[in-house]
Amino acid sequence: MVTRENFQVELDKIKNMIINFAKDTEKVLNMSIDALYNQDIELAKQIIIDDRLLDAQDTKINDEAILLIAKQQPVASDLRRLIVALRISSDLERMADNAKNIAKSTIHLGESHGLDIHPTIKDMKNIAFKMLDIAVEAYQNEDIGLSRKLAEMDDLVDSMYGDVIRAMLKETATNPEKIQHIMQMSFCARYIERFADHSTNIGESILYMVKGENFDLNY
């Protein structure tokens, strides 16, 4: 194969690694929310242990992308694709960290906290899932139209996060002795909100990859 064909094969390999990384990141968020609602401490502990596997995926993608830059010395759009691969991988690793943090909060809450987990937290997770799915599809197809949709969905998650925080503040008034537990639930909502923010970051990276300009989808 000629050099260009080699480059494309390696680039596609990195793209597939990122897509698989995104699927694993979504899976771990789903597991963390299940652990939270089911007060499953053992599952939460396993999520924390397994996070190192997700860290390893990020490291592998970084190594492959940097090696390809060194070997091929790409320019223009090809270089942007590799820069974006590094940026997206970093966002996915941080998203996985947010899922891990939910598992940590689940452990802090324990098995007998006696509080109902706010149902909006699960609704936030579902929208965060949709955002990541859209971000991955936009990345696969270099679709800037899909990328722009992420901003509106992120605003919705932000609004839902505000609803949860207000509800938690009311809960502290009626259950002041449970304030530490209530704070942990508030943290969980915050971690999902941050998860969604990283999907928006991915959308911005895709816009940069295609257009060659930096965009801020939060405004």
C-alpha atoms as a PDB file:
ATOM      1  CA  MET A   1       0.000   0.000   0.000  1.00  0.00           C
ATOM      2  CA  VAL A   2       1.073   3.577  -0.583  1.00  0.00           C
ATOM      3  CA  THR A   3       1.794   5.893   2.327  1.00  0.00           C
ATOM      4  CA  ARG A   4      -1.597   7.620   2.106  1.00  0.00           C
ATOM      5  CA  GLU A   5      -3.407   4.286   2.302  1.00  0.00           C
ATOM      6  CA  ASN A   6      -1.314   3.300   5.320  1.00  0.00           C
ATOM      7  CA  PHE A   7      -2.194   6.569   7.006  1.00  0.00           C
ATOM      8  CA  GLN A   8      -5.917   6.070   6.397  1.00  0.00           C
ATOM      9  CA  VAL A   9      -5.809   2.536   7.797  1.00  0.00           C
ATOM     10  CA  GLU A  10      -4.112   3.782  10.956  1.00  0.00           C
ATOM     11  CA  LEU A  11      -6.509   6.711  11.235  1.00  0.00           C
ATOM     12  CA  ASP A  12      -9.520   4.385  10.910  1.00  0.00           C
ATOM     13  CA  LYS A  13      -8.003   2.159  13.587  1.00  0.00           C
ATOM     14  CA  ILE A  14      -7.836   5.092  15.999  1.00  0.00           C
ATOM     15  CA  LYS A  15     -11.375   6.123  15.123  1.00  0.00           C
ATOM     16  CA  ASN A  16     -12.660   2.623  15.915  1.00  0.00           C
ATOM     17  CA  MET A  17     -10.770   2.649  19.212  1.00  0.00           C
ATOM     18  CA  ILE A  18     -12.505   5.891  20.148  1.00  0.00           C
ATOM     19  CA  ILE A  19     -15.931   4.528  19.206  1.00  0.00           C
ATOM     20  CA  ASN A  20     -15.353   1.452  21.377  1.00  0.00           C
ATOM     21  CA  PHE A  21     -14.066   3.659  24.193  1.00  0.00           C
ATOM     22  CA  ALA A  22     -17.279   5.697  24.010  1.00  0.00           C
ATOM     23  CA  LYS A  23     -19.392   2.540  24.258  1.00  0.00           C
ATOM     24  CA  ASP A  24     -17.472   1.426  27.339  1.00  0.00           C
ATOM     25  CA  THR A  25     -17.831   4.883  28.877  1.00  0.00           C
ATOM     26  CA  GLU A  26     -21.587   4.801  28.353  1.00  0.00           C
ATOM     27  CA  LYS A  27     -21.723   1.312  29.840  1.00  0.00           C
ATOM     28  CA  VAL A  28     -19.910   2.353  33.009  1.00  0.00           C
ATOM     29  CA  LEU A  29     -22.228   5.339  33.525  1.00  0.00           C
ATOM     30  CA  ASN A  30     -25.219   3.027  33.221  1.00  0.00           C
ATOM     31  CA  MET A  31     -23.684   0.647  35.756  1.00  0.00           C
ATOM     32  CA  SER A  32     -22.935   3.474  38.168  1.00  0.00           C
ATOM     33  CA  ILE A  33     -26.516   4.754  38.063  1.00  0.00           C
ATOM     34  CA  ASP A  34     -27.824   1.208  38.580  1.00  0.00           C
ATOM     35  CA  ALA A  35     -25.530   0.872  41.588  1.00  0.00           C
ATOM     36  CA  LEU A  36     -26.789   4.205  42.949  1.00  0.00           C
ATOM     37  CA  TYR A  37     -30.495   3.376  42.665  1.00  0.00           C
ATOM     38  CA  ASN A  38     -30.098  -0.221  43.837  1.00  0.00           C
ATOM     39  CA  GLN A  39     -27.681   0.658  46.662  1.00  0.00           C
ATOM     40  CA  ASP A  40     -25.347  -1.949  45.161  1.00  0.00           C
ATOM     41  CA  ILE A  41     -22.096  -1.347  46.986  1.00  0.00           C
ATOM     42  CA  GLU A  42     -20.286  -4.317  45.454  1.00  0.00           C
ATOM     43  CA  LEU A  43     -21.057  -3.107  41.931  1.00  0.00           C
ATOM     44  CA  ALA A  44     -19.859   0.375  42.878  1.00  0.00           C
ATOM     45  CA  LYS A  45     -16.578  -1.054  44.162  1.00  0.00           C
ATOM     46  CA  GLN A  46     -16.114  -3.038  40.946  1.00  0.00           C
ATOM     47  CA  ILE A  47     -16.686   0.093  38.847  1.00  0.00           C
ATOM     48  CA  ILE A  48     -13.894   1.845  40.720  1.00  0.00           C
ATOM     49  CA  ILE A  49     -11.537  -1.105  40.224  1.00  0.00           C
ATOM     50  CA  ASP A  50     -12.356  -1.396  36.520  1.00  0.00           C
ATOM     51  CA  ASP A  51     -11.745   2.297  35.873  1.00  0.00           C
ATOM     52  CA  ARG A  52      -8.087   1.506  35.287  1.00  0.00           C
ATOM     53  CA  LEU A  53      -9.123  -0.400  32.160  1.00  0.00           C
ATOM     54  CA  LEU A  54     -10.725   2.746  30.777  1.00  0.00           C
ATOM     55  CA  ASP A  55      -7.631   4.759  31.666  1.00  0.00           C
ATOM     56  CA  ALA A  56      -5.611   2.221  29.684  1.00  0.00           C
ATOM     57  CA  GLN A  57      -7.822   2.779  26.626  1.00  0.00           C
ATOM     58  CA  ASP A  58      -7.155   6.505  26.804  1.00  0.00           C
ATOM     59  CA  THR A  59      -3.417   5.864  27.062  1.00  0.00           C
ATOM     60  CA  LYS A  60      -3.502   3.489  24.095  1.00  0.00           C
ATOM     61  CA  ILE A  61      -5.356   5.968  21.891  1.00  0.00           C
ATOM     62  CA  ASN A  62      -2.909   8.709  22.863  1.00  0.00           C
ATOM     63  CA  ASP A  63       0.067   6.507  22.074  1.00  0.00           C
ATOM     64  CA  GLU A  64      -1.343   5.493  18.675  1.00  0.00           C
ATOM     65  CA  ALA A  65      -2.229   9.053  17.686  1.00  0.00           C
ATOM     66  CA  ILE A  66       1.112  10.532  18.758  1.00  0.00           C
ATOM     67  CA  LEU A  67       3.014   7.754  16.974  1.00  0.00           C
ATOM     68  CA  LEU A  68       1.053   8.377  13.777  1.00  0.00           C
ATOM     69  CA  ILE A  69       1.796  12.104  13.970  1.00  0.00           C
ATOM     70  CA  ALA A  70       5.491  11.329  14.409  1.00  0.00           C
ATOM     71  CA  LYS A  71       5.596   8.828  11.529  1.00  0.00           C
ATOM     72  CA  GLN A  72       3.462  10.645   8.975  1.00  0.00           C
ATOM     73  CA  GLN A  73       3.834  14.310   9.947  1.00  0.00           C
ATOM     74  CA  PRO A  74       0.308  15.104   8.721  1.00  0.00           C
ATOM     75  CA  VAL A  75      -0.862  18.634   8.000  1.00  0.00           C
ATOM     76  CA  ALA A  76      -4.155  20.496   7.653  1.00  0.00           C
ATOM     77  CA  SER A  77      -7.280  18.333   8.041  1.00  0.00           C
ATOM     78  CA  ASP A  78      -5.320  15.120   8.652  1.00  0.00           C
ATOM     79  CA  LEU A  79      -3.477  16.701  11.552  1.00  0.00           C
ATOM     80  CA  ARG A  80      -6.747  18.079  12.938  1.00  0.00           C
ATOM     81  CA  ARG A  81      -8.247  14.583  12.876  1.00  0.00           C
ATOM     82  CA  LEU A  82      -5.437  13.309  15.078  1.00  0.00           C
ATOM     83  CA  ILE A  83      -5.574  16.304  17.410  1.00  0.00           C
ATOM     84  CA  VAL A  84      -9.306  15.757  17.761  1.00  0.00           C
ATOM     85  CA  ALA A  85      -8.769  12.061  18.467  1.00  0.00           C
ATOM     86  CA  LEU A  86      -6.561  13.065  21.402  1.00  0.00           C
ATOM     87  CA  ARG A  87      -9.123  15.595  22.620  1.00  0.00           C
ATOM     88  CA  ILE A  88     -12.059  13.208  22.378  1.00  0.00           C
ATOM     89  CA  SER A  89     -10.173  10.448  24.136  1.00  0.00           C
ATOM     90  CA  SER A  90      -9.395  12.841  26.986  1.00  0.00           C
ATOM     91  CA  ASP A  91     -13.070  13.817  27.246  1.00  0.00           C
ATOM     92  CA  LEU A  92     -14.137  10.172  27.328  1.00  0.00           C
ATOM     93  CA  GLU A  93     -11.627   9.415  30.087  1.00  0.00           C
ATOM     94  CA  ARG A  94     -13.031  12.271  32.151  1.00  0.00           C
ATOM     95  CA  MET A  95     -16.570  11.072  31.485  1.00  0.00           C
ATOM     96  CA  ALA A  96     -15.581   7.661  32.815  1.00  0.00           C
ATOM     97  CA  ASP A  97     -14.127   9.402  35.869  1.00  0.00           C
ATOM     98  CA  ASN A  98     -17.487  11.065  36.480  1.00  0.00           C
ATOM     99  CA  ALA A  99     -19.142   7.649  36.384  1.00  0.00           C
ATOM    100  CA  LYS A 100     -16.527   6.376  38.827  1.00  0.00           C
ATOM    101  CA  ASN A 101     -17.288   9.311  41.117  1.00  0.00           C
ATOM    102  CA  ILE A 102     -20.961   8.314  41.167  1.00  0.00           C
ATOM    103  CA  ALA A 103     -19.831   4.873  42.310  1.00  0.00           C
ATOM    104  CA  LYS A 104     -17.807   6.515  45.073  1.00  0.00           C
ATOM    105  CA  SER A 105     -20.860   8.503  46.176  1.00  0.00           C
ATOM    106  CA  THR A 106     -22.882   5.291  46.211  1.00  0.00           C
ATOM    107  CA  ILE A 107     -20.371   3.802  48.626  1.00  0.00           C
ATOM    108  CA  HIS A 108     -20.521   6.927  50.812  1.00  0.00           C
ATOM    109  CA  LEU A 109     -24.313   6.708  50.860  1.00  0.00           C
ATOM    110  CA  GLY A 110     -24.160   3.083  51.968  1.00  0.00           C
ATOM    111  CA  GLU A 111     -26.885   0.473  51.888  1.00  0.00           C
ATOM    112  CA  SER A 112     -29.237   2.002  54.467  1.00  0.00           C
ATOM    113  CA  HIS A 113     -29.377   5.741  53.875  1.00  0.00           C
ATOM    114  CA  GLY A 114     -33.196   5.709  53.910  1.00  0.00           C
ATOM    115  CA  LEU A 115     -33.596   8.327  51.178  1.00  0.00           C
ATOM    116  CA  ASP A 116     -35.218   8.073  47.768  1.00  0.00           C
ATOM    117  CA  ILE A 117     -32.833   8.768  44.913  1.00  0.00           C
ATOM    118  CA  HIS A 118     -34.266  11.688  42.960  1.00  0.00           C
ATOM    119  CA  PRO A 119     -35.883  10.292  39.762  1.00  0.00           C
ATOM    120  CA  THR A 120     -34.539  13.169  37.666  1.00  0.00           C
ATOM    121  CA  ILE A 121     -31.029  11.772  38.086  1.00  0.00           C
ATOM    122  CA  LYS A 122     -32.025   8.814  35.934  1.00  0.00           C
ATOM    123  CA  ASP A 123     -33.674  11.157  33.414  1.00  0.00           C
ATOM    124  CA  MET A 124     -30.456  13.158  33.248  1.00  0.00           C
ATOM    125  CA  LYS A 125     -28.529   9.965  32.572  1.00  0.00           C
ATOM    126  CA  ASN A 126     -30.830   9.077  29.673  1.00  0.00           C
ATOM    127  CA  ILE A 127     -30.261  12.443  28.006  1.00  0.00           C
ATOM    128  CA  ALA A 128     -26.518  12.193  28.651  1.00  0.00           C
ATOM    129  CA  PHE A 129     -26.618   8.826  26.853  1.00  0.00           C
ATOM    130  CA  LYS A 130     -28.362  10.383  23.865  1.00  0.00           C
ATOM    131  CA  MET A 131     -25.804  13.167  23.778  1.00  0.00           C
ATOM    132  CA  LEU A 132     -22.895  10.734  23.717  1.00  0.00           C
ATOM    133  CA  ASP A 133     -24.582   8.662  21.001  1.00  0.00           C
ATOM    134  CA  ILE A 134     -25.059  11.803  18.897  1.00  0.00           C
ATOM    135  CA  ALA A 135     -21.486  12.889  19.546  1.00  0.00           C
ATOM    136  CA  VAL A 136     -20.159   9.511  18.404  1.00  0.00           C
ATOM    137  CA  GLU A 137     -22.330   9.540  15.279  1.00  0.00           C
ATOM    138  CA  ALA A 138     -21.193  13.083  14.503  1.00  0.00           C
ATOM    139  CA  TYR A 139     -17.571  11.984  14.920  1.00  0.00           C
ATOM    140  CA  GLN A 140     -18.004   8.950  12.679  1.00  0.00           C
ATOM    141  CA  ASN A 141     -19.609  10.980   9.912  1.00  0.00           C
ATOM    142  CA  GLU A 142     -17.880  14.322  10.537  1.00  0.00           C
ATOM    143  CA  ASP A 143     -21.381  15.790  10.810  1.00  0.00           C
ATOM    144  CA  ILE A 144     -21.309  19.334  12.171  1.00  0.00           C
ATOM    145  CA  GLY A 145     -25.105  19.567  12.079  1.00  0.00           C
ATOM    146  CA  LEU A 146     -25.377  16.816  14.661  1.00  0.00           C
ATOM    147  CA  SER A 147     -22.638  18.426  16.713  1.00  0.00           C
ATOM    148  CA  ARG A 148     -24.627  21.647  17.010  1.00  0.00           C
ATOM    149  CA  LYS A 149     -27.614  19.742  18.448  1.00  0.00           C
ATOM    150  CA  LEU A 150     -25.580  18.924  21.540  1.00  0.00           C
ATOM    151  CA  ALA A 151     -25.756  22.481  22.880  1.00  0.00           C
ATOM    152  CA  GLU A 152     -29.549  22.435  23.196  1.00  0.00           C
ATOM    153  CA  MET A 153     -29.487  19.037  24.903  1.00  0.00           C
ATOM    154  CA  ASP A 154     -26.771  20.244  27.272  1.00  0.00           C
ATOM    155  CA  ASP A 155     -28.989  23.175  28.275  1.00  0.00           C
ATOM    156  CA  LEU A 156     -31.723  20.686  29.158  1.00  0.00           C
ATOM    157  CA  VAL A 157     -29.370  18.662  31.357  1.00  0.00           C
ATOM    158  CA  ASP A 158     -28.251  21.875  33.071  1.00  0.00           C
ATOM    159  CA  SER A 159     -31.875  22.773  33.781  1.00  0.00           C
ATOM    160  CA  MET A 160     -32.591  19.321  35.191  1.00  0.00           C
ATOM    161  CA  TYR A 161     -29.497  19.575  37.367  1.00  0.00           C
ATOM    162  CA  GLY A 162     -30.879  22.818  38.784  1.00  0.00           C
ATOM    163  CA  ASP A 163     -34.169  21.040  39.573  1.00  0.00           C
ATOM    164  CA  VAL A 164     -32.328  18.325  41.482  1.00  0.00           C
ATOM    165  CA  ILE A 165     -30.289  20.813  43.494  1.00  0.00           C
ATOM    166  CA  ARG A 166     -33.402  22.768  44.460  1.00  0.00           C
ATOM    167  CA  ALA A 167     -35.111  19.551  45.534  1.00  0.00           C
ATOM    168  CA  MET A 168     -32.071  18.529  47.560  1.00  0.00           C
ATOM    169  CA  LEU A 169     -32.014  21.903  49.330  1.00  0.00           C
ATOM    170  CA  LYS A 170     -35.642  21.383  50.369  1.00  0.00           C
ATOM    171  CA  GLU A 171     -34.722  17.898  51.557  1.00  0.00           C
ATOM    172  CA  THR A 172     -32.051  19.282  53.873  1.00  0.00           C
ATOM    173  CA  ALA A 173     -34.703  21.435  55.548  1.00  0.00           C
ATOM    174  CA  THR A 174     -36.838  18.400  56.433  1.00  0.00           C
ATOM    175  CA  ASN A 175     -33.983  15.937  57.041  1.00  0.00           C
ATOM    176  CA  PRO A 176     -31.074  18.002  58.411  1.00  0.00           C
ATOM    177  CA  GLU A 177     -29.551  14.889  59.975  1.00  0.00           C
ATOM    178  CA  LYS A 178     -29.222  13.422  56.470  1.00  0.00           C
ATOM    179  CA  ILE A 179     -27.307  16.341  55.003  1.00  0.00           C
ATOM    180  CA  GLN A 180     -24.202  14.261  54.180  1.00  0.00           C
ATOM    181  CA  HIS A 181     -26.302  11.738  52.257  1.00  0.00           C
ATOM    182  CA  ILE A 182     -28.231  14.484  50.481  1.00  0.00           C
ATOM    183  CA  MET A 183     -24.954  16.106  49.445  1.00  0.00           C
ATOM    184  CA  GLN A 184     -23.798  12.829  47.883  1.00  0.00           C
ATOM    185  CA  MET A 185     -26.957  12.694  45.763  1.00  0.00           C
ATOM    186  CA  SER A 186     -26.353  16.286  44.696  1.00  0.00           C
ATOM    187  CA  PHE A 187     -22.820  15.318  43.711  1.00  0.00           C
ATOM    188  CA  CYS A 188     -24.190  12.490  41.549  1.00  0.00           C
ATOM    189  CA  ALA A 189     -26.382  14.925  39.629  1.00  0.00           C
ATOM    190  CA  ARG A 190     -23.344  17.161  39.187  1.00  0.00           C
ATOM    191  CA  TYR A 191     -21.272  14.273  37.820  1.00  0.00           C
ATOM    192  CA  ILE A 192     -23.918  13.533  35.178  1.00  0.00           C
ATOM    193  CA  GLU A 193     -24.093  17.220  34.288  1.00  0.00           C
ATOM    194  CA  ARG A 194     -20.316  17.172  33.790  1.00  0.00           C
ATOM    195  CA  PHE A 195     -20.611  13.963  31.734  1.00  0.00           C
ATOM    196  CA  ALA A 196     -22.974  15.821  29.398  1.00  0.00           C
ATOM    197  CA  ASP A 197     -20.618  18.812  29.232  1.00  0.00           C
ATOM    198  CA  HIS A 198     -17.886  16.549  27.891  1.00  0.00           C
ATOM    199  CA  SER A 199     -20.198  15.375  25.095  1.00  0.00           C
ATOM    200  CA  THR A 200     -20.597  19.037  24.176  1.00  0.00           C
ATOM    201  CA  ASN A 201     -16.801  19.334  24.197  1.00  0.00           C
ATOM    202  CA  ILE A 202     -16.686  16.469  21.707  1.00  0.00           C
ATOM    203  CA  GLY A 203     -19.127  18.351  19.505  1.00  0.00           C
ATOM    204  CA  GLU A 204     -16.848  21.391  19.610  1.00  0.00           C
ATOM    205  CA  SER A 205     -13.886  19.208  18.665  1.00  0.00           C
ATOM    206  CA  ILE A 206     -15.773  17.863  15.650  1.00  0.00           C
ATOM    207  CA  LEU A 207     -16.576  21.401  14.515  1.00  0.00           C
ATOM    208  CA  TYR A 208     -12.881  22.230  14.804  1.00  0.00           C
ATOM    209  CA  MET A 209     -11.948  19.094  12.868  1.00  0.00           C
ATOM    210  CA  VAL A 210     -14.266  19.911   9.981  1.00  0.00           C
ATOM    211  CA  LYS A 211     -14.127  23.714   9.885  1.00  0.00           C
ATOM    212  CA  GLY A 212     -10.623  24.361  11.196  1.00  0.00           C
ATOM    213  CA  GLU A 213     -11.967  26.902  13.707  1.00  0.00           C
ATOM    214  CA  ASN A 214     -12.676  26.782  17.424  1.00  0.00           C
ATOM    215  CA  PHE A 215     -16.330  26.963  18.477  1.00  0.00           C
ATOM    216  CA  ASP A 216     -18.032  27.268  21.855  1.00  0.00           C
ATOM    217  CA  LEU A 217     -21.357  25.432  21.894  1.00  0.00           C
ATOM    218  CA  ASN A 218     -22.207  26.694  25.372  1.00  0.00           C
ATOM    219  CA  TYR A 219     -23.038  30.143  24.076  1.00  0.00           C
END
